[in-house]
């Protein structure tokens, strides 16, 4: 894991900060702490942290409010957010609607916290990386089925070449094999359209609601493949 990756722990509880700080000290992450939402947002801006792990209950604001504030103010330097809350419907619902990348319920299991932090920081490192992908893609738009090929892929989408005419905003289902024998089927939206000189259409497809198992498989492929040149 990149030693420059920075994690900010946020809680108004000294025991919360001490316990999780001691846990994360065993890693190579750069660690920071804040005791309020305001301090956390300021520190995230100054240090450009990669991950915030915040208690849901803070003295000056709730964790979901901090999450919304961070996501709004740090658009140029995206930061992942994990909220730690109680296992009750109200807090889980608020955490789910806050835009947080993950939610961990109390009591916090050390292994779960370490795995969540590692997964999110790995995702951030490969999110913008796009690598070559030469596969045949079976696609479907409503009742229409057609075939195409993908030229590259990232965690956010893929480039699809097909003879079928699509328009920006179209939603399609793409089915292809990436690593193992099991095909993945993902939903996507056409966000870019270019017609090549040979008459084929190239479409930028943005993934929609990518299933966790597919995200993990794509992340593994992107992290181990050579970048597109």
Protein backbone atom coordinates (compact mmCIF):
# COMPACT_ATOMS: atom_id res chain seq x y z
CA UNK A 1 0.00 0.00 0.00
CA UNK A 2 1.26 3.48 -0.87
CA UNK A 3 2.75 5.03 2.31
CA UNK A 4 1.62 8.49 1.23
CA UNK A 5 -2.04 7.53 1.58
CA UNK A 6 -3.58 9.55 4.40
CA UNK A 7 -6.38 8.54 6.75
CA UNK A 8 -8.24 10.98 8.99
CA UNK A 9 -9.99 9.59 12.09
CA UNK A 10 -12.84 11.77 13.40
CA UNK A 11 -14.60 11.42 16.75
CA UNK A 12 -15.48 13.46 19.81
CA UNK A 13 -14.66 10.34 21.85
CA UNK A 14 -11.00 10.05 22.98
CA UNK A 15 -11.36 6.28 23.37
CA UNK A 16 -12.64 5.92 19.78
CA UNK A 17 -9.65 7.85 18.45
CA UNK A 18 -7.11 6.03 20.63
CA UNK A 19 -8.43 2.55 19.89
CA UNK A 20 -8.60 2.96 16.11
CA UNK A 21 -5.42 5.01 15.90
CA UNK A 22 -3.53 2.19 17.62
CA UNK A 23 -5.07 -0.30 15.19
CA UNK A 24 -4.13 1.67 12.07
CA UNK A 25 -0.62 2.43 13.34
CA UNK A 26 0.25 -1.13 12.34
CA UNK A 27 -0.19 -0.06 8.69
CA UNK A 28 1.86 2.24 6.45
CA UNK A 29 -0.86 4.90 6.23
CA UNK A 30 -0.31 8.50 7.24
CA UNK A 31 -2.68 9.10 10.19
CA UNK A 32 -4.47 12.23 11.42
CA UNK A 33 -7.19 12.83 14.01
CA UNK A 34 -9.91 15.42 14.53
CA UNK A 35 -12.40 15.82 17.35
CA UNK A 36 -15.11 17.71 15.45
CA UNK A 37 -16.65 17.91 12.00
CA UNK A 38 -15.37 21.45 11.45
CA UNK A 39 -11.82 20.47 12.38
CA UNK A 40 -12.04 17.38 10.17
CA UNK A 41 -13.18 19.34 7.12
CA UNK A 42 -10.41 21.90 7.60
CA UNK A 43 -7.76 19.23 8.08
CA UNK A 44 -8.97 17.27 5.06
CA UNK A 45 -8.51 20.42 2.98
CA UNK A 46 -5.05 21.22 4.34
CA UNK A 47 -3.61 17.70 4.17
CA UNK A 48 -5.63 16.42 1.15
CA UNK A 49 -6.48 13.15 2.91
CA UNK A 50 -7.56 10.08 0.96
CA UNK A 51 -9.92 8.50 3.52
CA UNK A 52 -12.00 9.78 6.42
CA UNK A 53 -13.25 7.35 9.07
CA UNK A 54 -15.79 9.23 11.15
CA UNK A 55 -17.92 8.48 14.17
CA UNK A 56 -21.58 9.14 13.36
CA UNK A 57 -22.01 11.15 16.56
CA UNK A 58 -19.86 14.30 16.75
CA UNK A 59 -20.24 17.25 19.09
CA UNK A 60 -20.81 19.85 16.37
CA UNK A 61 -22.52 17.86 13.59
CA UNK A 62 -23.64 14.37 12.69
CA UNK A 63 -21.42 12.12 10.60
CA UNK A 64 -23.75 12.22 7.61
CA UNK A 65 -23.61 16.03 7.64
CA UNK A 66 -19.80 15.88 7.69
CA UNK A 67 -19.88 13.43 4.78
CA UNK A 68 -22.08 15.75 2.70
CA UNK A 69 -19.84 18.73 3.54
CA UNK A 70 -16.67 16.88 2.58
CA UNK A 71 -18.09 15.58 -0.69
CA UNK A 72 -19.25 19.09 -1.61
CA UNK A 73 -16.07 20.96 -0.71
CA UNK A 74 -13.50 18.43 -1.90
CA UNK A 75 -14.70 17.69 -5.43
CA UNK A 76 -11.28 18.45 -6.97
CA UNK A 77 -9.56 16.08 -4.54
CA UNK A 78 -12.09 13.28 -3.94
CA UNK A 79 -11.96 11.65 -0.54
CA UNK A 80 -13.54 8.35 0.51
CA UNK A 81 -15.67 8.37 3.67
CA UNK A 82 -16.50 5.57 6.12
CA UNK A 83 -19.15 6.22 8.77
CA UNK A 84 -19.24 4.29 12.05
CA UNK A 85 -22.78 4.13 13.43
CA UNK A 86 -25.08 2.08 15.62
CA UNK A 87 -26.91 -0.87 14.13
CA UNK A 88 -30.35 0.72 13.96
CA UNK A 89 -32.56 1.57 10.95
CA UNK A 90 -32.46 5.34 11.45
CA UNK A 91 -28.69 5.72 11.51
CA UNK A 92 -28.15 3.13 8.78
CA UNK A 93 -30.64 4.91 6.54
CA UNK A 94 -29.03 8.31 7.13
CA UNK A 95 -25.57 6.86 6.51
CA UNK A 96 -26.77 5.20 3.32
CA UNK A 97 -28.19 8.47 1.97
CA UNK A 98 -25.14 10.55 2.92
CA UNK A 99 -22.96 9.50 0.01
CA UNK A 100 -20.49 7.65 2.27
CA UNK A 101 -18.48 4.89 0.58
CA UNK A 102 -19.06 2.44 3.43
CA UNK A 103 -20.75 2.11 6.81
CA UNK A 104 -19.43 0.06 9.72
CA UNK A 105 -21.69 -0.74 12.65
CA UNK A 106 -20.69 -0.83 16.29
CA UNK A 107 -18.95 -2.62 17.87
CA UNK A 108 -16.22 -2.07 15.27
CA UNK A 109 -14.43 -5.27 14.31
CA UNK A 110 -10.70 -4.51 13.77
CA UNK A 111 -10.37 -6.80 10.74
CA UNK A 112 -13.43 -5.26 9.09
CA UNK A 113 -12.05 -1.75 9.60
CA UNK A 114 -8.65 -2.68 8.14
CA UNK A 115 -10.21 -4.49 5.17
CA UNK A 116 -12.58 -1.60 4.44
CA UNK A 117 -9.79 0.98 4.60
CA UNK A 118 -7.52 -1.10 2.38
CA UNK A 119 -10.26 -1.75 -0.16
CA UNK A 120 -11.27 1.90 -0.45
CA UNK A 121 -7.71 3.17 -0.75
CA UNK A 122 -6.95 0.56 -3.41
CA UNK A 123 -10.06 1.64 -5.32
CA UNK A 124 -8.94 5.28 -5.17
CA UNK A 125 -5.52 4.37 -6.58
CA UNK A 126 -6.96 2.54 -9.58
CA UNK A 127 -10.19 4.49 -10.09
CA UNK A 128 -8.77 6.77 -12.77
CA UNK A 129 -6.46 4.17 -14.30
CA UNK A 130 -7.67 2.92 -17.68
CA UNK A 131 -6.14 -0.16 -19.29
CA UNK A 132 -6.44 -1.95 -22.59
CA UNK A 133 -9.17 -4.57 -22.90
CA UNK A 134 -9.72 -6.67 -26.01
CA UNK A 135 -12.93 -8.60 -25.51
CA UNK A 136 -16.13 -9.22 -27.35
CA UNK A 137 -19.07 -7.58 -25.64
CA UNK A 138 -22.61 -8.88 -25.92
CA UNK A 139 -24.89 -5.90 -25.40
CA UNK A 140 -28.58 -5.36 -24.98
CA UNK A 141 -30.69 -2.22 -25.22
CA UNK A 142 -34.22 -3.04 -24.10
CA UNK A 143 -35.26 -5.87 -26.50
CA UNK A 144 -32.46 -5.18 -29.01
CA UNK A 145 -29.34 -7.39 -28.80
CA UNK A 146 -26.07 -6.60 -30.58
CA UNK A 147 -22.35 -7.34 -30.37
CA UNK A 148 -19.36 -5.06 -30.08
CA UNK A 149 -15.82 -4.99 -28.71
CA UNK A 150 -14.26 -3.11 -25.84
CA UNK A 151 -10.99 -1.19 -26.29
CA UNK A 152 -10.34 -0.26 -22.66
CA UNK A 153 -11.85 -0.45 -19.20
CA UNK A 154 -11.60 1.31 -15.85
CA UNK A 155 -13.55 1.15 -12.60
CA UNK A 156 -15.92 3.79 -13.94
CA UNK A 157 -16.69 2.39 -17.38
CA UNK A 158 -15.47 1.05 -20.71
CA UNK A 159 -15.05 2.08 -24.34
CA UNK A 160 -17.36 0.11 -26.61
CA UNK A 161 -17.08 -0.14 -30.42
CA UNK A 162 -20.22 -1.31 -32.19
CA UNK A 163 -22.09 -0.89 -35.43
CA UNK A 164 -25.37 -0.34 -33.58
CA UNK A 165 -26.51 3.30 -33.35
CA UNK A 166 -26.81 4.53 -29.77
CA UNK A 167 -27.35 8.01 -28.39
CA UNK A 168 -26.07 9.71 -25.26
CA UNK A 169 -28.29 8.78 -22.35
CA UNK A 170 -29.12 5.29 -23.63
CA UNK A 171 -28.87 2.59 -20.99
CA UNK A 172 -27.54 -0.79 -22.03
CA UNK A 173 -26.52 -4.10 -20.48
CA UNK A 174 -23.03 -5.37 -21.35
CA UNK A 175 -21.95 -8.98 -20.89
CA UNK A 176 -18.31 -10.05 -21.17
CA UNK A 177 -15.61 -12.21 -19.59
CA UNK A 178 -12.77 -10.37 -17.87
CA UNK A 179 -10.58 -12.67 -15.74
CA UNK A 180 -12.19 -15.99 -14.89
CA UNK A 181 -14.60 -18.21 -16.79
CA UNK A 182 -17.66 -16.54 -15.31
CA UNK A 183 -19.10 -13.71 -17.46
CA UNK A 184 -20.03 -10.45 -15.78
CA UNK A 185 -23.15 -8.53 -16.71
CA UNK A 186 -23.12 -4.81 -15.99
CA UNK A 187 -25.51 -1.95 -16.54
CA UNK A 188 -24.15 1.16 -18.25
CA UNK A 189 -25.12 4.53 -19.68
CA UNK A 190 -23.80 6.04 -22.90
CA UNK A 191 -22.00 9.26 -21.95
CA UNK A 192 -19.86 9.80 -25.06
CA UNK A 193 -20.33 8.99 -28.76
CA UNK A 194 -17.77 9.21 -31.58
CA UNK A 195 -18.02 7.88 -35.12
CA UNK A 196 -14.77 6.43 -36.47
CA UNK A 197 -13.56 6.79 -40.08
CA UNK A 198 -14.48 3.16 -40.80
CA UNK A 199 -18.09 3.88 -39.89
CA UNK A 200 -18.02 2.10 -36.55
CA UNK A 201 -19.30 3.94 -33.49
CA UNK A 202 -17.27 4.24 -30.32
CA UNK A 203 -19.21 4.82 -27.13
CA UNK A 204 -18.02 5.81 -23.69
CA UNK A 205 -20.06 3.67 -21.30
CA UNK A 206 -20.33 4.70 -17.65
CA UNK A 207 -21.11 1.86 -15.25
CA UNK A 208 -24.31 2.13 -13.19
CA UNK A 209 -24.61 0.43 -9.78
CA UNK A 210 -21.65 -1.88 -10.30
CA UNK A 211 -22.05 -5.00 -8.15
CA UNK A 212 -19.36 -5.40 -5.45
CA UNK A 213 -18.06 -8.67 -6.92
CA UNK A 214 -17.72 -7.09 -10.37
CA UNK A 215 -16.05 -3.99 -8.93
CA UNK A 216 -13.51 -6.22 -7.17
CA UNK A 217 -12.79 -8.17 -10.35
CA UNK A 218 -12.36 -5.03 -12.46
CA UNK A 219 -10.18 -3.45 -9.76
CA UNK A 220 -7.94 -6.53 -9.78
CA UNK A 221 -7.68 -6.47 -13.58
CA UNK A 222 -6.95 -2.75 -13.74
CA UNK A 223 -4.43 -2.84 -10.89
CA UNK A 224 -2.39 -5.64 -12.49
CA UNK A 225 -2.62 -4.65 -16.17
CA UNK A 226 -0.40 -2.21 -18.02
CA UNK A 227 -1.90 1.31 -18.42
CA UNK A 228 -3.37 2.24 -21.78
CA UNK A 229 -0.91 4.19 -23.91
